[in-house]
């Protein structure tokens, strides 16, 4: 037989609830905007200076596996959300609630189509409101960005160059 504390019976997992500013109450209180919250999206490892940061309106590609970071001073119980078919490492459109100051998760884009919106929520306790980050939307790109030419590749020869003539010898 399952036993639940009567004072917590109204709380269901955040992943089953709407997570919108002013939306349906979570823990008895409508979510509020977390103005200090930041959702960052990286194509590549965030610790690599060569990784690309994606911003609202940027493009993603179907072969992307992005890194999503969420940082806020508003609580330690955090969750990321995604729409448009993108999935986190757990195969879902939301992460489990994670208790860390910073949240860093992979987002797989292979099943995504159309716009993908990312946002997060966090709570500091079971008594206060849930804070919701601003949303960031990525659009589906048609082809991945081309890589710069290798520094080891020889330069392409122009097509209008005359053939080389042997050097002339000065008369003796």
N, C-alpha and C. Protein backbone atom coordinates (compact mmCIF):
# COMPACT_ATOMS: atom_id res chain seq x y z
N UNK A 1 0.83 -1.17 0.00
CA UNK A 1 0.00 0.00 0.00
C UNK A 1 0.88 1.24 0.00
N UNK A 2 0.49 2.23 -0.78
CA UNK A 2 1.27 3.46 -0.90
C UNK A 2 0.79 4.49 0.13
N UNK A 3 1.74 5.14 0.77
CA UNK A 3 1.40 6.16 1.75
C UNK A 3 1.97 7.49 1.28
N UNK A 4 1.15 8.54 1.34
CA UNK A 4 1.59 9.88 0.97
C UNK A 4 1.27 10.83 2.11
N UNK A 5 2.16 11.74 2.35
CA UNK A 5 1.89 12.76 3.36
C UNK A 5 0.74 13.62 2.90
N UNK A 6 -0.28 13.85 3.74
CA UNK A 6 -1.45 14.63 3.30
C UNK A 6 -1.08 16.04 2.85
N UNK A 7 -0.05 16.68 3.45
CA UNK A 7 0.28 18.05 3.08
C UNK A 7 1.00 18.12 1.72
N UNK A 8 1.46 16.99 1.20
CA UNK A 8 2.13 16.99 -0.09
C UNK A 8 1.31 16.29 -1.19
N UNK A 9 0.11 15.88 -0.88
CA UNK A 9 -0.71 15.13 -1.82
C UNK A 9 -1.07 15.94 -3.06
N UNK A 10 -1.06 17.28 -2.98
CA UNK A 10 -1.44 18.11 -4.12
C UNK A 10 -0.28 18.34 -5.09
N UNK A 11 0.92 17.90 -4.73
CA UNK A 11 2.10 18.15 -5.56
C UNK A 11 2.34 16.96 -6.47
N UNK A 12 2.36 17.20 -7.77
CA UNK A 12 2.72 16.16 -8.72
C UNK A 12 4.04 16.55 -9.37
N UNK A 13 4.72 15.60 -10.02
CA UNK A 13 6.00 15.96 -10.65
C UNK A 13 5.83 17.13 -11.61
N UNK A 14 6.82 18.03 -11.61
CA UNK A 14 6.75 19.24 -12.43
C UNK A 14 6.65 18.89 -13.91
N UNK A 15 7.21 17.74 -14.33
CA UNK A 15 7.19 17.40 -15.76
C UNK A 15 5.78 17.15 -16.29
N UNK A 16 4.82 16.91 -15.41
CA UNK A 16 3.44 16.68 -15.85
C UNK A 16 2.63 17.97 -15.84
N UNK A 17 3.24 19.05 -15.46
CA UNK A 17 2.52 20.31 -15.34
C UNK A 17 2.99 21.30 -16.38
N UNK A 18 2.09 22.22 -16.68
CA UNK A 18 2.44 23.35 -17.53
C UNK A 18 3.54 24.14 -16.81
N UNK A 19 4.46 24.68 -17.55
CA UNK A 19 5.53 25.48 -16.95
C UNK A 19 5.58 26.82 -17.68
N UNK A 20 4.62 27.66 -17.35
CA UNK A 20 4.46 28.96 -18.01
C UNK A 20 4.30 30.04 -16.95
N UNK A 21 4.89 31.20 -17.19
CA UNK A 21 4.74 32.33 -16.29
C UNK A 21 3.25 32.66 -16.17
N UNK A 22 2.74 32.73 -14.94
CA UNK A 22 1.34 33.04 -14.70
C UNK A 22 0.40 31.90 -15.03
N UNK A 23 0.94 30.74 -15.37
CA UNK A 23 0.13 29.60 -15.77
C UNK A 23 -0.45 28.85 -14.58
N UNK A 24 -0.82 27.61 -14.82
CA UNK A 24 -1.43 26.77 -13.79
C UNK A 24 -0.53 26.71 -12.57
N UNK A 25 -1.11 26.80 -11.39
CA UNK A 25 -0.31 26.79 -10.16
C UNK A 25 0.51 25.50 -10.01
N UNK A 26 1.72 25.66 -9.53
CA UNK A 26 2.58 24.55 -9.15
C UNK A 26 2.86 24.74 -7.67
N UNK A 27 2.59 23.74 -6.89
CA UNK A 27 2.70 23.82 -5.44
C UNK A 27 1.83 24.94 -4.89
N UNK A 28 0.68 25.14 -5.54
CA UNK A 28 -0.31 26.10 -5.06
C UNK A 28 -0.09 27.54 -5.49
N UNK A 29 0.98 27.82 -6.26
CA UNK A 29 1.30 29.20 -6.64
C UNK A 29 1.59 29.25 -8.14
N UNK A 30 1.03 30.23 -8.88
CA UNK A 30 1.35 30.35 -10.30
C UNK A 30 2.85 30.64 -10.48
N UNK A 31 3.50 30.06 -11.50
CA UNK A 31 4.91 30.35 -11.76
C UNK A 31 5.13 31.83 -12.07
N UNK A 32 6.33 32.29 -11.74
CA UNK A 32 6.70 33.69 -11.98
C UNK A 32 7.91 33.74 -12.91
N UNK A 33 8.17 34.90 -13.50
CA UNK A 33 9.34 35.09 -14.35
C UNK A 33 10.59 35.13 -13.49
N UNK A 34 11.60 34.36 -13.87
CA UNK A 34 12.90 34.38 -13.18
C UNK A 34 13.81 35.27 -14.00
N UNK A 35 13.86 36.54 -13.67
CA UNK A 35 14.57 37.52 -14.49
C UNK A 35 16.07 37.27 -14.56
N UNK A 36 16.65 36.60 -13.56
CA UNK A 36 18.08 36.35 -13.59
C UNK A 36 18.43 35.04 -14.30
N UNK A 37 17.43 34.29 -14.74
CA UNK A 37 17.65 32.97 -15.34
C UNK A 37 18.25 33.09 -16.74
N UNK A 38 19.18 32.20 -17.04
CA UNK A 38 19.82 32.18 -18.35
C UNK A 38 19.83 30.77 -18.90
N UNK A 39 19.26 30.59 -20.07
CA UNK A 39 19.36 29.32 -20.81
C UNK A 39 20.36 29.59 -21.93
N UNK A 40 21.45 28.82 -21.94
CA UNK A 40 22.47 28.96 -22.98
C UNK A 40 22.50 27.68 -23.81
N UNK A 41 22.70 27.84 -25.11
CA UNK A 41 22.74 26.70 -26.03
C UNK A 41 24.09 26.72 -26.74
N UNK A 42 24.75 25.57 -26.75
CA UNK A 42 26.06 25.44 -27.39
C UNK A 42 26.03 24.34 -28.43
N UNK A 43 26.66 24.60 -29.55
CA UNK A 43 26.95 23.54 -30.54
C UNK A 43 28.40 23.19 -30.25
N UNK A 44 28.59 22.09 -29.54
CA UNK A 44 29.92 21.70 -29.10
C UNK A 44 29.99 21.74 -27.58
N UNK A 45 31.16 21.46 -27.06
CA UNK A 45 31.40 21.42 -25.62
C UNK A 45 31.53 22.86 -25.10
N UNK A 46 30.73 23.24 -24.10
CA UNK A 46 30.79 24.63 -23.59
C UNK A 46 32.18 25.02 -23.07
N UNK A 47 32.99 24.05 -22.67
CA UNK A 47 34.33 24.38 -22.16
C UNK A 47 35.33 24.60 -23.29
N UNK A 48 34.94 24.26 -24.52
CA UNK A 48 35.81 24.44 -25.69
C UNK A 48 35.59 25.84 -26.26
N UNK A 49 36.65 26.65 -26.33
CA UNK A 49 36.47 28.01 -26.86
C UNK A 49 36.02 28.04 -28.32
N UNK A 50 36.17 26.92 -29.03
CA UNK A 50 35.74 26.84 -30.43
C UNK A 50 34.25 26.52 -30.57
N UNK A 51 33.57 26.16 -29.47
CA UNK A 51 32.15 25.82 -29.58
C UNK A 51 31.35 27.07 -29.94
N UNK A 52 30.24 26.85 -30.61
CA UNK A 52 29.39 27.96 -31.07
C UNK A 52 28.23 28.14 -30.11
N UNK A 53 28.01 29.37 -29.68
CA UNK A 53 26.86 29.70 -28.84
C UNK A 53 25.70 30.04 -29.77
N UNK A 54 24.53 29.45 -29.52
CA UNK A 54 23.35 29.74 -30.32
C UNK A 54 22.43 30.67 -29.54
N UNK A 55 21.83 31.61 -30.23
CA UNK A 55 20.95 32.59 -29.63
C UNK A 55 19.54 32.44 -30.17
N UNK A 56 18.59 33.13 -29.56
CA UNK A 56 17.21 33.11 -30.00
C UNK A 56 17.16 33.46 -31.49
N UNK A 57 16.49 32.60 -32.28
CA UNK A 57 16.36 32.82 -33.71
C UNK A 57 17.43 32.13 -34.55
N UNK A 58 18.49 31.60 -33.92
CA UNK A 58 19.53 30.89 -34.67
C UNK A 58 19.01 29.56 -35.19
N UNK A 59 19.80 28.94 -36.07
CA UNK A 59 19.39 27.67 -36.68
C UNK A 59 20.03 26.48 -35.99
N UNK A 60 19.28 25.37 -35.96
CA UNK A 60 19.82 24.08 -35.56
C UNK A 60 19.74 23.17 -36.77
N UNK A 61 20.44 22.05 -36.71
CA UNK A 61 20.44 21.08 -37.81
C UNK A 61 20.10 19.71 -37.24
N UNK A 62 19.54 18.87 -38.06
CA UNK A 62 19.06 17.57 -37.58
C UNK A 62 20.16 16.71 -37.00
N UNK A 63 21.41 16.90 -37.41
CA UNK A 63 22.48 16.09 -36.86
C UNK A 63 23.11 16.72 -35.61
N UNK A 64 22.56 17.82 -35.14
CA UNK A 64 23.08 18.49 -33.94
C UNK A 64 22.76 17.70 -32.67
N UNK A 65 23.72 17.68 -31.80
CA UNK A 65 23.51 17.31 -30.40
C UNK A 65 24.04 18.52 -29.64
N UNK A 66 23.11 19.30 -29.11
CA UNK A 66 23.45 20.57 -28.47
C UNK A 66 23.61 20.38 -26.96
N UNK A 67 24.35 21.29 -26.35
CA UNK A 67 24.46 21.31 -24.90
C UNK A 67 23.65 22.49 -24.40
N UNK A 68 22.75 22.22 -23.46
CA UNK A 68 21.89 23.26 -22.90
C UNK A 68 22.33 23.48 -21.46
N UNK A 69 22.61 24.73 -21.13
CA UNK A 69 22.95 25.10 -19.75
C UNK A 69 21.88 26.01 -19.19
N UNK A 70 21.59 25.83 -17.93
CA UNK A 70 20.63 26.69 -17.25
C UNK A 70 21.25 27.13 -15.94
N UNK A 71 21.29 28.41 -15.72
CA UNK A 71 21.85 28.95 -14.50
C UNK A 71 20.92 30.03 -13.96
N UNK A 72 20.65 29.95 -12.68
CA UNK A 72 19.82 30.95 -12.02
C UNK A 72 20.10 30.91 -10.53
N UNK A 73 19.93 32.03 -9.88
CA UNK A 73 20.02 32.07 -8.43
C UNK A 73 18.69 31.67 -7.80
N UNK A 74 17.67 31.47 -8.65
CA UNK A 74 16.32 31.18 -8.18
C UNK A 74 16.16 29.68 -7.98
N UNK A 75 16.67 29.18 -6.90
CA UNK A 75 16.42 27.79 -6.54
C UNK A 75 17.40 26.79 -7.09
N UNK A 76 17.34 25.61 -6.50
CA UNK A 76 18.23 24.52 -6.88
C UNK A 76 17.48 23.37 -7.52
N UNK A 77 16.18 23.33 -7.50
CA UNK A 77 15.40 22.27 -8.11
C UNK A 77 15.05 22.75 -9.52
N UNK A 78 15.79 22.24 -10.52
CA UNK A 78 15.70 22.79 -11.87
C UNK A 78 15.23 21.74 -12.87
N UNK A 79 14.60 22.23 -13.93
CA UNK A 79 14.16 21.36 -15.02
C UNK A 79 14.21 22.13 -16.33
N UNK A 80 14.68 21.46 -17.39
CA UNK A 80 14.69 22.02 -18.74
C UNK A 80 13.52 21.46 -19.53
N UNK A 81 13.00 22.26 -20.46
CA UNK A 81 11.90 21.84 -21.33
C UNK A 81 12.28 22.17 -22.78
N UNK A 82 11.74 21.37 -23.72
CA UNK A 82 11.94 21.60 -25.15
C UNK A 82 10.67 21.23 -25.90
N UNK A 83 10.42 21.89 -27.00
CA UNK A 83 9.30 21.56 -27.88
C UNK A 83 9.84 21.17 -29.25
N UNK A 84 8.96 20.83 -30.16
CA UNK A 84 9.33 20.62 -31.55
C UNK A 84 9.99 19.29 -31.86
N UNK A 85 9.94 18.33 -30.93
CA UNK A 85 10.52 17.01 -31.17
C UNK A 85 11.93 16.83 -30.67
N UNK A 86 12.57 17.86 -30.17
CA UNK A 86 13.90 17.72 -29.58
C UNK A 86 13.79 16.95 -28.26
N UNK A 87 14.78 16.12 -27.97
CA UNK A 87 14.73 15.32 -26.75
C UNK A 87 16.05 15.41 -25.99
N UNK A 88 15.93 15.34 -24.68
CA UNK A 88 17.10 15.32 -23.82
C UNK A 88 17.64 13.90 -23.75
N UNK A 89 18.73 13.69 -23.03
CA UNK A 89 19.35 12.38 -22.93
C UNK A 89 18.44 11.29 -22.41
N UNK A 90 17.38 11.67 -21.70
CA UNK A 90 16.43 10.68 -21.17
C UNK A 90 15.36 10.31 -22.20
N UNK A 91 15.47 10.85 -23.43
CA UNK A 91 14.50 10.55 -24.47
C UNK A 91 13.20 11.32 -24.36
N UNK A 92 13.13 12.27 -23.44
CA UNK A 92 11.91 13.04 -23.20
C UNK A 92 12.11 14.51 -23.58
N UNK A 93 11.02 15.24 -23.64
CA UNK A 93 11.09 16.67 -23.95
C UNK A 93 11.34 17.51 -22.71
N UNK A 94 11.55 16.87 -21.56
CA UNK A 94 11.93 17.59 -20.35
C UNK A 94 12.91 16.72 -19.56
N UNK A 95 13.74 17.38 -18.78
CA UNK A 95 14.67 16.65 -17.93
C UNK A 95 13.98 16.32 -16.62
N UNK A 96 14.48 15.32 -15.91
CA UNK A 96 13.96 15.16 -14.55
C UNK A 96 14.37 16.39 -13.74
N UNK A 97 13.71 16.63 -12.64
CA UNK A 97 14.10 17.75 -11.79
C UNK A 97 15.45 17.42 -11.17
N UNK A 98 16.39 18.33 -11.33
CA UNK A 98 17.76 18.11 -10.88
C UNK A 98 18.10 19.16 -9.84
N UNK A 99 18.74 18.74 -8.78
CA UNK A 99 19.08 19.63 -7.67
C UNK A 99 20.54 20.07 -7.74
N UNK A 100 20.81 21.05 -8.58
CA UNK A 100 22.15 21.63 -8.73
C UNK A 100 21.99 23.10 -9.04
N UNK A 101 23.03 23.89 -8.68
CA UNK A 101 22.98 25.31 -9.02
C UNK A 101 22.97 25.50 -10.53
N UNK A 102 23.84 24.77 -11.24
CA UNK A 102 23.87 24.86 -12.69
C UNK A 102 23.40 23.54 -13.27
N UNK A 103 22.66 23.61 -14.35
CA UNK A 103 22.12 22.43 -15.02
C UNK A 103 22.70 22.39 -16.43
N UNK A 104 23.27 21.26 -16.84
CA UNK A 104 23.92 21.11 -18.12
C UNK A 104 23.46 19.78 -18.71
N UNK A 105 22.75 19.80 -19.83
CA UNK A 105 22.19 18.59 -20.43
C UNK A 105 22.37 18.61 -21.94
N UNK A 106 22.45 17.40 -22.53
CA UNK A 106 22.52 17.27 -23.98
C UNK A 106 21.10 17.28 -24.56
N UNK A 107 20.96 17.88 -25.73
CA UNK A 107 19.68 17.93 -26.43
C UNK A 107 19.89 17.37 -27.83
N UNK A 108 19.17 16.31 -28.16
CA UNK A 108 19.30 15.63 -29.45
C UNK A 108 18.24 16.20 -30.40
N UNK A 109 18.69 16.61 -31.58
CA UNK A 109 17.80 17.30 -32.52
C UNK A 109 17.33 16.42 -33.67
N UNK A 110 17.72 15.13 -33.71
CA UNK A 110 17.44 14.28 -34.87
C UNK A 110 15.94 14.11 -35.17
N UNK A 111 15.09 14.15 -34.16
CA UNK A 111 13.65 14.00 -34.38
C UNK A 111 12.92 15.34 -34.41
N UNK A 112 13.66 16.43 -34.27
CA UNK A 112 13.04 17.75 -34.25
C UNK A 112 12.60 18.16 -35.64
N UNK A 113 11.55 18.97 -35.68
CA UNK A 113 11.10 19.52 -36.95
C UNK A 113 10.49 20.88 -36.67
N UNK A 114 10.84 21.83 -37.49
CA UNK A 114 10.31 23.18 -37.27
C UNK A 114 10.96 23.85 -36.09
N UNK A 115 10.32 24.89 -35.57
CA UNK A 115 10.90 25.62 -34.44
C UNK A 115 11.00 24.75 -33.19
N UNK A 116 12.10 24.92 -32.46
CA UNK A 116 12.31 24.24 -31.18
C UNK A 116 12.46 25.34 -30.13
N UNK A 117 11.60 25.30 -29.14
CA UNK A 117 11.65 26.30 -28.06
C UNK A 117 12.20 25.64 -26.81
N UNK A 118 13.11 26.34 -26.14
CA UNK A 118 13.76 25.86 -24.93
C UNK A 118 13.50 26.83 -23.80
N UNK A 119 13.24 26.31 -22.62
CA UNK A 119 13.11 27.12 -21.43
C UNK A 119 13.29 26.23 -20.22
N UNK A 120 13.32 26.85 -19.06
CA UNK A 120 13.57 26.09 -17.83
C UNK A 120 12.76 26.67 -16.68
N UNK A 121 12.64 25.86 -15.65
CA UNK A 121 11.97 26.30 -14.43
C UNK A 121 12.79 25.86 -13.23
N UNK A 122 12.63 26.57 -12.13
CA UNK A 122 13.35 26.21 -10.91
C UNK A 122 12.55 26.67 -9.70
N UNK A 123 12.77 25.94 -8.61
CA UNK A 123 12.10 26.27 -7.35
C UNK A 123 13.12 26.17 -6.22
N UNK A 124 12.95 27.03 -5.23
CA UNK A 124 13.88 27.01 -4.10
C UNK A 124 13.34 26.18 -2.95
N UNK A 125 12.04 25.96 -2.91
CA UNK A 125 11.46 25.15 -1.84
C UNK A 125 10.06 24.71 -2.26
N UNK A 126 9.42 23.92 -1.42
CA UNK A 126 8.05 23.51 -1.71
C UNK A 126 7.04 24.58 -1.32
N UNK A 127 7.52 25.68 -0.77
CA UNK A 127 6.60 26.72 -0.30
C UNK A 127 6.55 27.94 -1.22
N UNK A 128 7.59 28.15 -2.01
CA UNK A 128 7.63 29.34 -2.85
C UNK A 128 7.21 29.06 -4.27
N UNK A 129 7.16 30.11 -5.09
CA UNK A 129 6.76 29.94 -6.48
C UNK A 129 7.89 29.31 -7.31
N UNK A 130 7.53 28.75 -8.43
CA UNK A 130 8.48 28.25 -9.41
C UNK A 130 8.84 29.41 -10.32
N UNK A 131 10.13 29.62 -10.56
CA UNK A 131 10.59 30.66 -11.48
C UNK A 131 10.79 30.07 -12.86
N UNK A 132 10.38 30.78 -13.89
CA UNK A 132 10.48 30.31 -15.27
C UNK A 132 11.41 31.25 -16.05
N UNK A 133 12.34 30.66 -16.79
CA UNK A 133 13.29 31.44 -17.58
C UNK A 133 12.62 32.02 -18.82
N UNK A 134 13.28 33.00 -19.44
CA UNK A 134 12.83 33.43 -20.76
C UNK A 134 12.99 32.26 -21.75
N UNK A 135 12.17 32.25 -22.80
CA UNK A 135 12.24 31.18 -23.81
C UNK A 135 13.22 31.57 -24.91
N UNK A 136 13.82 30.54 -25.50
CA UNK A 136 14.75 30.71 -26.60
C UNK A 136 14.28 29.77 -27.71
N UNK A 137 14.11 30.29 -28.92
CA UNK A 137 13.60 29.47 -30.02
C UNK A 137 14.65 29.36 -31.12
N UNK A 138 14.89 28.12 -31.57
CA UNK A 138 15.79 27.83 -32.68
C UNK A 138 14.96 27.38 -33.87
N UNK A 139 15.42 27.68 -35.08
CA UNK A 139 14.70 27.27 -36.28
C UNK A 139 15.52 26.21 -37.01
N UNK A 140 14.83 25.36 -37.76
CA UNK A 140 15.48 24.28 -38.49
C UNK A 140 16.23 24.85 -39.68
N UNK A 141 17.53 24.56 -39.76
CA UNK A 141 18.35 24.98 -40.89
C UNK A 141 18.32 23.91 -41.97
N UNK A 142 18.64 24.28 -43.19
CA UNK A 142 18.58 23.33 -44.30
C UNK A 142 19.86 22.53 -44.46
N UNK A 143 21.00 23.09 -44.07
CA UNK A 143 22.25 22.34 -44.14
C UNK A 143 23.19 22.86 -43.07
N UNK A 144 24.03 21.98 -42.53
CA UNK A 144 24.96 22.43 -41.50
C UNK A 144 25.94 23.46 -42.06
N UNK A 145 26.48 24.28 -41.19
CA UNK A 145 27.45 25.27 -41.67
C UNK A 145 28.67 24.56 -42.24
N UNK A 146 29.26 25.14 -43.28
CA UNK A 146 30.46 24.52 -43.86
C UNK A 146 31.65 24.84 -42.96
N UNK A 147 32.56 23.90 -42.94
CA UNK A 147 33.76 24.08 -42.13
C UNK A 147 34.73 24.96 -42.90
N UNK A 148 35.55 25.74 -42.17
CA UNK A 148 36.54 26.54 -42.88
C UNK A 148 37.58 25.61 -43.52
N UNK A 149 38.25 26.06 -44.59
CA UNK A 149 39.24 25.19 -45.22
C UNK A 149 40.36 24.86 -44.25
N UNK A 150 40.91 23.69 -44.41
CA UNK A 150 42.00 23.25 -43.55
C UNK A 150 43.21 24.13 -43.81
N UNK A 151 43.97 24.49 -42.76
CA UNK A 151 45.16 25.31 -43.00
C UNK A 151 46.24 24.51 -43.73
N UNK A 152 46.09 23.18 -43.82
CA UNK A 152 47.09 22.35 -44.46
C UNK A 152 46.76 22.07 -45.93
N UNK A 153 45.59 22.49 -46.39
CA UNK A 153 45.21 22.25 -47.77
C UNK A 153 45.91 23.26 -48.66
N UNK A 154 46.42 22.80 -49.82
CA UNK A 154 47.06 23.77 -50.72
C UNK A 154 46.01 24.71 -51.29
N UNK A 155 46.38 25.95 -51.57
CA UNK A 155 45.41 26.87 -52.15
C UNK A 155 45.05 26.42 -53.57
N UNK A 156 43.84 26.71 -53.95
CA UNK A 156 43.39 26.35 -55.28
C UNK A 156 44.08 27.24 -56.30
N UNK A 157 44.51 26.63 -57.40
CA UNK A 157 45.19 27.39 -58.45
C UNK A 157 44.16 28.12 -59.29
N UNK A 158 44.37 29.39 -59.57
CA UNK A 158 43.45 30.11 -60.45
C UNK A 158 43.47 29.46 -61.83
N UNK A 159 42.34 29.47 -62.51
CA UNK A 159 42.23 28.80 -63.81
C UNK A 159 42.86 29.60 -64.96
N UNK A 160 43.14 30.87 -64.79
CA UNK A 160 43.66 31.68 -65.90
C UNK A 160 45.16 31.95 -65.80
N UNK A 161 45.88 31.15 -65.06
CA UNK A 161 47.31 31.37 -64.90
C UNK A 161 48.05 30.67 -66.04
N UNK A 162 48.99 31.38 -66.65
CA UNK A 162 49.79 30.79 -67.73
C UNK A 162 50.72 29.74 -67.14
N UNK A 163 51.07 28.72 -67.93
CA UNK A 163 51.99 27.71 -67.42
C UNK A 163 53.33 28.35 -67.08
N UNK A 164 53.97 27.74 -66.12
CA UNK A 164 55.27 28.28 -65.69
C UNK A 164 56.32 28.07 -66.78
N UNK A 165 57.15 29.08 -66.99
CA UNK A 165 58.27 28.96 -67.94
C UNK A 165 59.53 28.69 -67.12
N UNK A 166 60.45 27.95 -67.64
CA UNK A 166 61.69 27.73 -66.89
C UNK A 166 62.41 29.05 -66.73
N UNK A 167 63.15 29.18 -65.67
CA UNK A 167 63.90 30.44 -65.53
C UNK A 167 64.91 30.56 -66.66
N UNK A 168 65.11 31.80 -67.10
CA UNK A 168 66.09 32.01 -68.18
C UNK A 168 67.47 32.15 -67.57
N UNK A 169 68.44 31.68 -68.29
CA UNK A 169 69.83 31.76 -67.81
C UNK A 169 70.44 33.03 -68.40
N UNK A 170 71.06 33.81 -67.60
CA UNK A 170 71.73 34.98 -68.19
C UNK A 170 72.93 34.51 -69.05
N UNK A 171 73.24 35.26 -70.09
CA UNK A 171 74.39 34.85 -70.93
C UNK A 171 75.69 35.03 -70.16
N UNK A 172 76.70 34.20 -70.44
CA UNK A 172 78.02 34.31 -69.80
C UNK A 172 78.99 34.92 -70.73
